[in-house]
Amino acid sequence: MIPFQTINFLVGSEQRAHSDSIHMTTEPKGYLIAAWTALEDVNEDNGTIFFYPGSHRLPYVLAPDYPTGNTRWRIGKDNYRNYEDAIEQLIRERNLQPVPFLGRKGDVFIWHANLLHGGGPIRRKGATRKSMVAHYFCEGVLCYHEVSQRPAILVRS
């Protein structure tokens, strides 16, 4: 496994359901994981992470599957919103139910790149949810940014 990136959060993301594959796609598909670490306890007040069990086995939702509005030079204005709408439609069609992850400081939640997940609402104004997520992909695969259709890493020969 090759570490690719880390993202640090001071507060919960309140992000709609998505899979990491829309941001970091591998070719062949399915060779990326995320490891999210709670740096403080997670609860309903500071915004849980939610996920849809088994959703990693669903078909990938990628740029050809929704209207991106992309041009050769620019990412479409509504690209990501259209993606999120397509994910919500898939969740409704499959009658998927979210499960909250109520981690304690030091807990690690590891998921497959195609697992649908997001950030729950922050119920207490000003609450922090310090955490870090690291993404890793397997050696020898191509990793690219699905939204822009551009390489995430340029390989020098």
N, C-alpha and C. Protein backbone atom coordinates (compact mmCIF):
# COMPACT_ATOMS: atom_id res chain seq x y z
N MET A 1 0.85 -1.19 0.00
CA MET A 1 0.00 0.00 0.00
C MET A 1 0.89 1.24 0.00
N ILE A 2 0.48 2.21 -0.80
CA ILE A 2 1.21 3.46 -0.91
C ILE A 2 0.34 4.57 -0.33
N PRO A 3 0.86 5.32 0.67
CA PRO A 3 0.08 6.44 1.18
C PRO A 3 -0.06 7.50 0.11
N PHE A 4 -1.28 8.01 -0.06
CA PHE A 4 -1.55 8.96 -1.14
C PHE A 4 -1.78 10.37 -0.60
N GLN A 5 -2.67 10.49 0.37
CA GLN A 5 -2.97 11.82 0.92
C GLN A 5 -3.57 11.69 2.30
N THR A 6 -3.52 12.78 3.05
CA THR A 6 -4.22 12.87 4.32
C THR A 6 -5.09 14.13 4.31
N ILE A 7 -6.18 14.05 5.03
CA ILE A 7 -7.06 15.20 5.21
C ILE A 7 -7.31 15.32 6.71
N ASN A 8 -7.10 16.50 7.26
CA ASN A 8 -7.34 16.74 8.67
C ASN A 8 -8.63 17.52 8.84
N PHE A 9 -9.43 17.12 9.81
CA PHE A 9 -10.71 17.78 10.08
C PHE A 9 -10.70 18.34 11.49
N LEU A 10 -11.06 19.60 11.64
CA LEU A 10 -11.27 20.20 12.95
C LEU A 10 -12.73 19.99 13.38
N VAL A 11 -13.62 20.03 12.41
CA VAL A 11 -15.05 19.83 12.66
C VAL A 11 -15.58 18.77 11.70
N GLY A 12 -16.76 18.26 11.98
CA GLY A 12 -17.40 17.30 11.09
C GLY A 12 -17.65 17.92 9.72
N SER A 13 -17.66 17.09 8.69
CA SER A 13 -17.77 17.59 7.32
C SER A 13 -19.20 17.91 6.89
N GLU A 14 -20.18 17.25 7.50
CA GLU A 14 -21.59 17.36 7.09
C GLU A 14 -21.74 17.11 5.59
N GLN A 15 -20.87 16.29 5.04
CA GLN A 15 -20.85 16.01 3.60
C GLN A 15 -21.92 14.99 3.24
N ARG A 16 -22.57 15.21 2.10
CA ARG A 16 -23.56 14.25 1.60
C ARG A 16 -22.88 12.92 1.29
N ALA A 17 -23.69 11.89 1.16
CA ALA A 17 -23.17 10.56 0.86
C ALA A 17 -22.38 10.58 -0.45
N HIS A 18 -21.27 9.87 -0.43
CA HIS A 18 -20.39 9.78 -1.60
C HIS A 18 -19.50 8.57 -1.42
N SER A 19 -18.80 8.21 -2.48
CA SER A 19 -17.74 7.22 -2.37
C SER A 19 -16.44 7.93 -2.71
N ASP A 20 -15.35 7.50 -2.11
CA ASP A 20 -14.07 8.14 -2.39
C ASP A 20 -13.62 7.92 -3.82
N SER A 21 -14.23 6.96 -4.49
CA SER A 21 -13.84 6.68 -5.88
C SER A 21 -14.10 7.85 -6.81
N ILE A 22 -15.01 8.74 -6.46
CA ILE A 22 -15.26 9.89 -7.33
C ILE A 22 -14.10 10.88 -7.24
N HIS A 23 -13.38 10.85 -6.14
CA HIS A 23 -12.23 11.75 -5.96
C HIS A 23 -10.92 11.09 -6.37
N MET A 24 -10.77 9.84 -5.99
CA MET A 24 -9.53 9.10 -6.24
C MET A 24 -9.90 7.74 -6.78
N THR A 25 -9.81 7.58 -8.07
CA THR A 25 -10.17 6.33 -8.72
C THR A 25 -8.90 5.60 -9.11
N THR A 26 -8.93 4.28 -9.01
CA THR A 26 -7.78 3.51 -9.46
C THR A 26 -8.16 2.70 -10.69
N GLU A 27 -7.17 2.40 -11.47
CA GLU A 27 -7.35 1.50 -12.60
C GLU A 27 -6.31 0.41 -12.46
N PRO A 28 -6.70 -0.83 -12.22
CA PRO A 28 -8.09 -1.30 -12.14
C PRO A 28 -8.81 -0.75 -10.90
N LYS A 29 -10.12 -0.81 -10.95
CA LYS A 29 -10.97 -0.28 -9.88
C LYS A 29 -10.79 -1.07 -8.58
N GLY A 30 -11.04 -0.39 -7.47
CA GLY A 30 -11.11 -1.06 -6.18
C GLY A 30 -9.81 -1.20 -5.43
N TYR A 31 -8.77 -0.50 -5.82
CA TYR A 31 -7.48 -0.65 -5.16
C TYR A 31 -7.11 0.57 -4.34
N LEU A 32 -8.10 1.16 -3.67
CA LEU A 32 -7.88 2.30 -2.79
C LEU A 32 -8.66 2.07 -1.51
N ILE A 33 -8.06 2.41 -0.38
CA ILE A 33 -8.76 2.34 0.90
C ILE A 33 -8.56 3.66 1.65
N ALA A 34 -9.42 3.88 2.63
CA ALA A 34 -9.29 5.03 3.51
C ALA A 34 -9.20 4.52 4.94
N ALA A 35 -8.41 5.22 5.75
CA ALA A 35 -8.31 4.92 7.18
C ALA A 35 -8.57 6.23 7.93
N TRP A 36 -9.73 6.30 8.58
CA TRP A 36 -10.15 7.49 9.31
C TRP A 36 -9.87 7.27 10.78
N THR A 37 -9.19 8.22 11.42
CA THR A 37 -8.82 8.11 12.83
C THR A 37 -9.49 9.21 13.63
N ALA A 38 -10.20 8.81 14.69
CA ALA A 38 -10.83 9.78 15.59
C ALA A 38 -9.76 10.34 16.52
N LEU A 39 -9.60 11.64 16.53
CA LEU A 39 -8.66 12.29 17.44
C LEU A 39 -9.37 12.81 18.68
N GLU A 40 -10.67 12.64 18.72
CA GLU A 40 -11.49 12.89 19.91
C GLU A 40 -12.77 12.07 19.73
N ASP A 41 -13.52 11.89 20.81
CA ASP A 41 -14.74 11.09 20.73
C ASP A 41 -15.72 11.70 19.73
N VAL A 42 -16.43 10.81 19.03
CA VAL A 42 -17.42 11.22 18.04
C VAL A 42 -18.81 10.90 18.59
N ASN A 43 -19.72 11.87 18.49
CA ASN A 43 -21.08 11.65 18.97
C ASN A 43 -22.05 12.44 18.09
N GLU A 44 -23.31 12.34 18.41
CA GLU A 44 -24.34 13.02 17.61
C GLU A 44 -24.16 14.54 17.63
N ASP A 45 -23.61 15.08 18.72
CA ASP A 45 -23.44 16.54 18.81
C ASP A 45 -22.40 17.08 17.84
N ASN A 46 -21.29 16.33 17.66
CA ASN A 46 -20.20 16.87 16.83
C ASN A 46 -20.17 16.29 15.42
N GLY A 47 -21.19 15.57 15.04
CA GLY A 47 -21.30 15.10 13.66
C GLY A 47 -20.65 13.76 13.42
N THR A 48 -21.45 12.73 13.43
CA THR A 48 -20.93 11.38 13.19
C THR A 48 -20.53 11.23 11.73
N ILE A 49 -19.79 10.17 11.48
CA ILE A 49 -19.65 9.68 10.11
C ILE A 49 -20.78 8.68 9.95
N PHE A 50 -21.42 8.66 8.79
CA PHE A 50 -22.40 7.61 8.53
C PHE A 50 -21.94 6.84 7.30
N PHE A 51 -22.35 5.59 7.22
CA PHE A 51 -21.99 4.76 6.06
C PHE A 51 -23.12 3.80 5.76
N TYR A 52 -23.07 3.24 4.57
CA TYR A 52 -24.10 2.30 4.11
C TYR A 52 -23.45 0.93 3.97
N PRO A 53 -23.69 0.03 4.96
CA PRO A 53 -23.06 -1.29 4.92
C PRO A 53 -23.32 -2.02 3.61
N GLY A 54 -22.27 -2.61 3.06
CA GLY A 54 -22.37 -3.39 1.84
C GLY A 54 -22.36 -2.57 0.56
N SER A 55 -22.42 -1.24 0.68
CA SER A 55 -22.50 -0.41 -0.52
C SER A 55 -21.23 -0.45 -1.36
N HIS A 56 -20.14 -0.91 -0.79
CA HIS A 56 -18.90 -1.02 -1.58
C HIS A 56 -19.03 -2.04 -2.70
N ARG A 57 -20.04 -2.91 -2.60
CA ARG A 57 -20.25 -3.93 -3.65
C ARG A 57 -21.17 -3.44 -4.78
N LEU A 58 -21.70 -2.24 -4.65
CA LEU A 58 -22.56 -1.68 -5.70
C LEU A 58 -21.70 -1.25 -6.89
N PRO A 59 -22.34 -1.06 -8.05
CA PRO A 59 -21.58 -0.53 -9.19
C PRO A 59 -21.01 0.85 -8.85
N TYR A 60 -19.84 1.12 -9.38
CA TYR A 60 -19.23 2.44 -9.20
C TYR A 60 -20.08 3.48 -9.93
N VAL A 61 -20.23 4.65 -9.33
CA VAL A 61 -20.86 5.79 -10.00
C VAL A 61 -19.73 6.73 -10.36
N LEU A 62 -19.44 6.80 -11.66
CA LEU A 62 -18.32 7.60 -12.15
C LEU A 62 -18.81 8.59 -13.20
N ALA A 63 -17.93 9.39 -13.71
CA ALA A 63 -18.29 10.49 -14.62
C ALA A 63 -19.23 10.09 -15.76
N PRO A 64 -19.07 8.93 -16.40
CA PRO A 64 -20.00 8.59 -17.48
C PRO A 64 -21.44 8.32 -17.01
N ASP A 65 -21.64 8.22 -15.68
CA ASP A 65 -22.93 7.82 -15.14
C ASP A 65 -23.84 8.98 -14.73
N TYR A 66 -23.39 10.20 -14.86
CA TYR A 66 -24.20 11.36 -14.49
C TYR A 66 -23.75 12.55 -15.34
N PRO A 67 -24.59 13.58 -15.45
CA PRO A 67 -24.23 14.74 -16.28
C PRO A 67 -23.18 15.61 -15.58
N THR A 68 -21.95 15.60 -16.09
CA THR A 68 -20.86 16.34 -15.45
C THR A 68 -20.82 17.81 -15.85
N GLY A 69 -21.19 18.09 -17.09
CA GLY A 69 -21.05 19.46 -17.58
C GLY A 69 -19.61 19.84 -17.86
N ASN A 70 -18.69 18.87 -17.78
CA ASN A 70 -17.28 19.15 -18.00
C ASN A 70 -17.01 19.53 -19.46
N THR A 71 -16.02 20.38 -19.65
CA THR A 71 -15.47 20.64 -20.97
C THR A 71 -14.02 20.17 -20.94
N ARG A 72 -13.35 20.30 -22.03
CA ARG A 72 -11.95 19.87 -22.07
C ARG A 72 -11.11 20.62 -21.03
N TRP A 73 -11.46 21.86 -20.75
CA TRP A 73 -10.63 22.70 -19.89
C TRP A 73 -11.21 22.96 -18.51
N ARG A 74 -12.49 22.75 -18.32
CA ARG A 74 -13.11 23.10 -17.04
C ARG A 74 -14.02 21.99 -16.52
N ILE A 75 -14.06 21.92 -15.20
CA ILE A 75 -14.99 21.01 -14.53
C ILE A 75 -16.36 21.70 -14.52
N GLY A 76 -17.40 20.95 -14.84
CA GLY A 76 -18.74 21.52 -14.89
C GLY A 76 -19.17 22.13 -13.57
N LYS A 77 -19.88 23.24 -13.63
CA LYS A 77 -20.30 23.98 -12.43
C LYS A 77 -21.10 23.11 -11.46
N ASP A 78 -21.96 22.26 -11.98
CA ASP A 78 -22.81 21.42 -11.14
C ASP A 78 -22.33 19.97 -11.08
N ASN A 79 -21.11 19.73 -11.49
CA ASN A 79 -20.59 18.36 -11.57
C ASN A 79 -20.78 17.60 -10.27
N TYR A 80 -20.23 18.12 -9.18
CA TYR A 80 -20.26 17.36 -7.93
C TYR A 80 -21.67 17.26 -7.36
N ARG A 81 -22.47 18.30 -7.49
CA ARG A 81 -23.86 18.23 -7.02
C ARG A 81 -24.63 17.16 -7.80
N ASN A 82 -24.40 17.10 -9.12
CA ASN A 82 -25.05 16.07 -9.93
C ASN A 82 -24.60 14.67 -9.51
N TYR A 83 -23.33 14.54 -9.16
CA TYR A 83 -22.83 13.26 -8.65
C TYR A 83 -23.56 12.89 -7.36
N GLU A 84 -23.63 13.83 -6.41
CA GLU A 84 -24.30 13.55 -5.14
C GLU A 84 -25.77 13.19 -5.35
N ASP A 85 -26.42 13.85 -6.28
CA ASP A 85 -27.81 13.52 -6.60
C ASP A 85 -27.92 12.09 -7.13
N ALA A 86 -26.97 11.69 -7.98
CA ALA A 86 -26.97 10.32 -8.52
C ALA A 86 -26.78 9.30 -7.40
N ILE A 87 -25.93 9.63 -6.43
CA ILE A 87 -25.71 8.73 -5.29
C ILE A 87 -26.98 8.63 -4.45
N GLU A 88 -27.64 9.74 -4.19
CA GLU A 88 -28.89 9.71 -3.42
C GLU A 88 -29.96 8.88 -4.13
N GLN A 89 -30.01 8.99 -5.44
CA GLN A 89 -30.96 8.17 -6.21
C GLN A 89 -30.63 6.69 -6.06
N LEU A 90 -29.37 6.33 -6.13
CA LEU A 90 -28.95 4.94 -5.96
C LEU A 90 -29.33 4.43 -4.56
N ILE A 91 -29.12 5.26 -3.55
CA ILE A 91 -29.47 4.89 -2.17
C ILE A 91 -30.97 4.62 -2.06
N ARG A 92 -31.79 5.48 -2.67
CA ARG A 92 -33.25 5.28 -2.64
C ARG A 92 -33.64 4.01 -3.39
N GLU A 93 -33.08 3.82 -4.59
CA GLU A 93 -33.42 2.64 -5.40
C GLU A 93 -33.08 1.35 -4.68
N ARG A 94 -31.99 1.33 -3.96
CA ARG A 94 -31.54 0.12 -3.26
C ARG A 94 -32.06 0.04 -1.83
N ASN A 95 -32.81 1.07 -1.41
CA ASN A 95 -33.37 1.13 -0.06
C ASN A 95 -32.29 0.93 1.00
N LEU A 96 -31.16 1.61 0.82
CA LEU A 96 -30.05 1.49 1.76
C LEU A 96 -30.32 2.35 2.99
N GLN A 97 -29.86 1.87 4.14
CA GLN A 97 -30.06 2.59 5.39
C GLN A 97 -28.70 2.97 5.98
N PRO A 98 -28.53 4.24 6.37
CA PRO A 98 -27.25 4.66 6.93
C PRO A 98 -27.05 4.13 8.35
N VAL A 99 -25.79 3.91 8.69
CA VAL A 99 -25.40 3.50 10.04
C VAL A 99 -24.38 4.52 10.53
N PRO A 100 -24.59 5.09 11.73
CA PRO A 100 -23.60 6.05 12.24
C PRO A 100 -22.39 5.32 12.82
N PHE A 101 -21.23 5.94 12.69
CA PHE A 101 -20.02 5.43 13.34
C PHE A 101 -19.72 6.36 14.51
N LEU A 102 -19.94 5.85 15.71
CA LEU A 102 -19.72 6.63 16.93
C LEU A 102 -18.38 6.20 17.53
N GLY A 103 -17.30 6.70 16.97
CA GLY A 103 -15.97 6.29 17.41
C GLY A 103 -15.52 7.02 18.66
N ARG A 104 -14.60 6.38 19.35
CA ARG A 104 -13.94 6.99 20.50
C ARG A 104 -12.55 7.42 20.09
N LYS A 105 -11.99 8.36 20.79
CA LYS A 105 -10.65 8.85 20.50
C LYS A 105 -9.71 7.66 20.31
N GLY A 106 -9.01 7.64 19.18
CA GLY A 106 -8.08 6.56 18.88
C GLY A 106 -8.65 5.46 18.00
N ASP A 107 -9.98 5.40 17.86
CA ASP A 107 -10.58 4.40 16.98
C ASP A 107 -10.24 4.70 15.52
N VAL A 108 -10.09 3.64 14.74
CA VAL A 108 -9.81 3.77 13.32
C VAL A 108 -10.90 3.06 12.54
N PHE A 109 -11.45 3.72 11.55
CA PHE A 109 -12.48 3.17 10.68
C PHE A 109 -11.85 3.05 9.29
N ILE A 110 -11.74 1.83 8.79
CA ILE A 110 -11.12 1.57 7.49
C ILE A 110 -12.21 1.17 6.51
N TRP A 111 -12.21 1.79 5.32
CA TRP A 111 -13.23 1.45 4.34
C TRP A 111 -12.66 1.36 2.94
N HIS A 112 -13.37 0.60 2.12
CA HIS A 112 -13.09 0.44 0.69
C HIS A 112 -13.50 1.73 -0.03
N ALA A 113 -12.80 2.08 -1.08
CA ALA A 113 -13.04 3.34 -1.79
C ALA A 113 -14.47 3.49 -2.29
N ASN A 114 -15.18 2.40 -2.55
CA ASN A 114 -16.54 2.51 -3.08
C ASN A 114 -17.62 2.49 -2.00
N LEU A 115 -17.23 2.43 -0.72
CA LEU A 115 -18.21 2.46 0.36
C LEU A 115 -18.87 3.84 0.40
N LEU A 116 -20.19 3.87 0.35
CA LEU A 116 -20.91 5.14 0.45
C LEU A 116 -20.90 5.60 1.90
N HIS A 117 -20.51 6.85 2.11
CA HIS A 117 -20.39 7.40 3.46
C HIS A 117 -20.51 8.92 3.38
N GLY A 118 -20.63 9.55 4.53
CA GLY A 118 -20.72 11.01 4.58
C GLY A 118 -20.60 11.49 6.01
N GLY A 119 -20.84 12.77 6.21
CA GLY A 119 -20.76 13.37 7.54
C GLY A 119 -22.13 13.79 8.02
N GLY A 120 -22.49 13.34 9.21
CA GLY A 120 -23.79 13.68 9.78
C GLY A 120 -23.84 15.14 10.23
N PRO A 121 -25.05 15.62 10.54
CA PRO A 121 -25.20 17.01 10.97
C PRO A 121 -24.51 17.27 12.31
N ILE A 122 -23.99 18.46 12.46
CA ILE A 122 -23.41 18.89 13.73
C ILE A 122 -24.54 19.51 14.54
N ARG A 123 -24.87 18.90 15.66
CA ARG A 123 -26.04 19.34 16.44
C ARG A 123 -25.71 20.40 17.48
N ARG A 124 -24.45 20.48 17.88
CA ARG A 124 -24.05 21.49 18.87
C ARG A 124 -23.13 22.49 18.20
N LYS A 125 -23.61 23.70 18.04
CA LYS A 125 -22.83 24.75 17.38
C LYS A 125 -21.47 24.90 18.06
N GLY A 126 -20.42 24.95 17.25
CA GLY A 126 -19.07 25.13 17.78
C GLY A 126 -18.38 23.85 18.19
N ALA A 127 -19.09 22.71 18.09
CA ALA A 127 -18.48 21.43 18.47
C ALA A 127 -17.39 21.04 17.48
N THR A 128 -16.30 20.54 18.01
CA THR A 128 -15.23 20.03 17.14
C THR A 128 -15.37 18.53 16.98
N ARG A 129 -14.81 18.01 15.90
CA ARG A 129 -14.70 16.57 15.69
C ARG A 129 -13.35 16.35 15.02
N LYS A 130 -12.31 16.48 15.83
CA LYS A 130 -10.95 16.37 15.30
C LYS A 130 -10.71 14.94 14.82
N SER A 131 -10.25 14.86 13.59
CA SER A 131 -10.00 13.55 12.99
C SER A 131 -9.06 13.71 11.81
N MET A 132 -8.56 12.58 11.34
CA MET A 132 -7.70 12.57 10.17
C MET A 132 -8.04 11.35 9.34
N VAL A 133 -8.08 11.53 8.03
CA VAL A 133 -8.28 10.40 7.14
C VAL A 133 -7.08 10.32 6.21
N ALA A 134 -6.60 9.11 6.02
CA ALA A 134 -5.50 8.86 5.08
C ALA A 134 -6.01 7.91 4.00
N HIS A 135 -5.61 8.17 2.78
CA HIS A 135 -5.99 7.32 1.66
C HIS A 135 -4.75 6.61 1.13
N TYR A 136 -4.92 5.34 0.80
CA TYR A 136 -3.82 4.51 0.32
C TYR A 136 -4.26 3.78 -0.94
N PHE A 137 -3.36 3.62 -1.88
CA PHE A 137 -3.66 2.77 -3.02
C PHE A 137 -2.56 1.75 -3.20
N CYS A 138 -2.88 0.69 -3.91
CA CYS A 138 -1.94 -0.41 -4.11
C CYS A 138 -0.86 -0.01 -5.11
N GLU A 139 0.32 -0.50 -4.85
CA GLU A 139 1.44 -0.25 -5.76
C GLU A 139 1.14 -0.85 -7.13
N GLY A 140 1.49 -0.11 -8.17
CA GLY A 140 1.33 -0.61 -9.53
C GLY A 140 0.03 -0.25 -10.21
N VAL A 141 -0.89 0.42 -9.50
CA VAL A 141 -2.14 0.83 -10.14
C VAL A 141 -2.07 2.31 -10.52
N LEU A 142 -2.88 2.69 -11.47
CA LEU A 142 -3.00 4.09 -11.86
C LEU A 142 -4.03 4.74 -10.94
N CYS A 143 -3.72 5.90 -10.42
CA CYS A 143 -4.67 6.64 -9.57
C CYS A 143 -4.97 7.96 -10.26
N TYR A 144 -6.26 8.27 -10.42
CA TYR A 144 -6.64 9.51 -11.09
C TYR A 144 -7.85 10.14 -10.41
N HIS A 145 -8.05 11.43 -10.72
CA HIS A 145 -9.15 12.21 -10.16
C HIS A 145 -10.35 12.07 -11.09
N GLU A 146 -11.36 11.34 -10.66
CA GLU A 146 -12.51 11.02 -11.52
C GLU A 146 -13.28 12.26 -11.95
N VAL A 147 -13.46 13.22 -11.06
CA VAL A 147 -14.26 14.40 -11.39
C VAL A 147 -13.63 15.16 -12.56
N SER A 148 -12.31 15.33 -12.51
CA SER A 148 -11.63 16.09 -13.58
C SER A 148 -11.12 15.22 -14.70
N GLN A 149 -11.08 13.90 -14.48
CA GLN A 149 -10.55 12.95 -15.46
C GLN A 149 -9.06 13.19 -15.71
N ARG A 150 -8.34 13.61 -14.67
CA ARG A 150 -6.91 13.87 -14.78
C ARG A 150 -6.15 12.99 -13.79
N PRO A 151 -4.89 12.68 -14.12
CA PRO A 151 -4.10 11.85 -13.20
C PRO A 151 -3.96 12.52 -11.84
N ALA A 152 -4.04 11.73 -10.79
CA ALA A 152 -3.81 12.23 -9.45
C ALA A 152 -2.31 12.26 -9.15
N ILE A 153 -1.58 11.41 -9.82
CA ILE A 153 -0.13 11.32 -9.64
C ILE A 153 0.49 11.21 -11.02
N LEU A 154 1.52 11.98 -11.25
CA LEU A 154 2.27 11.87 -12.49
C LEU A 154 3.48 10.99 -12.23
N VAL A 155 3.62 9.95 -13.00
CA VAL A 155 4.72 9.00 -12.82
C VAL A 155 5.87 9.41 -13.72
N ARG A 156 7.03 9.57 -13.12
CA ARG A 156 8.23 9.88 -13.90
C ARG A 156 8.93 8.60 -14.27
N SER A 157 9.37 8.51 -15.51
CA SER A 157 10.05 7.29 -15.92
C SER A 157 11.55 7.45 -15.85
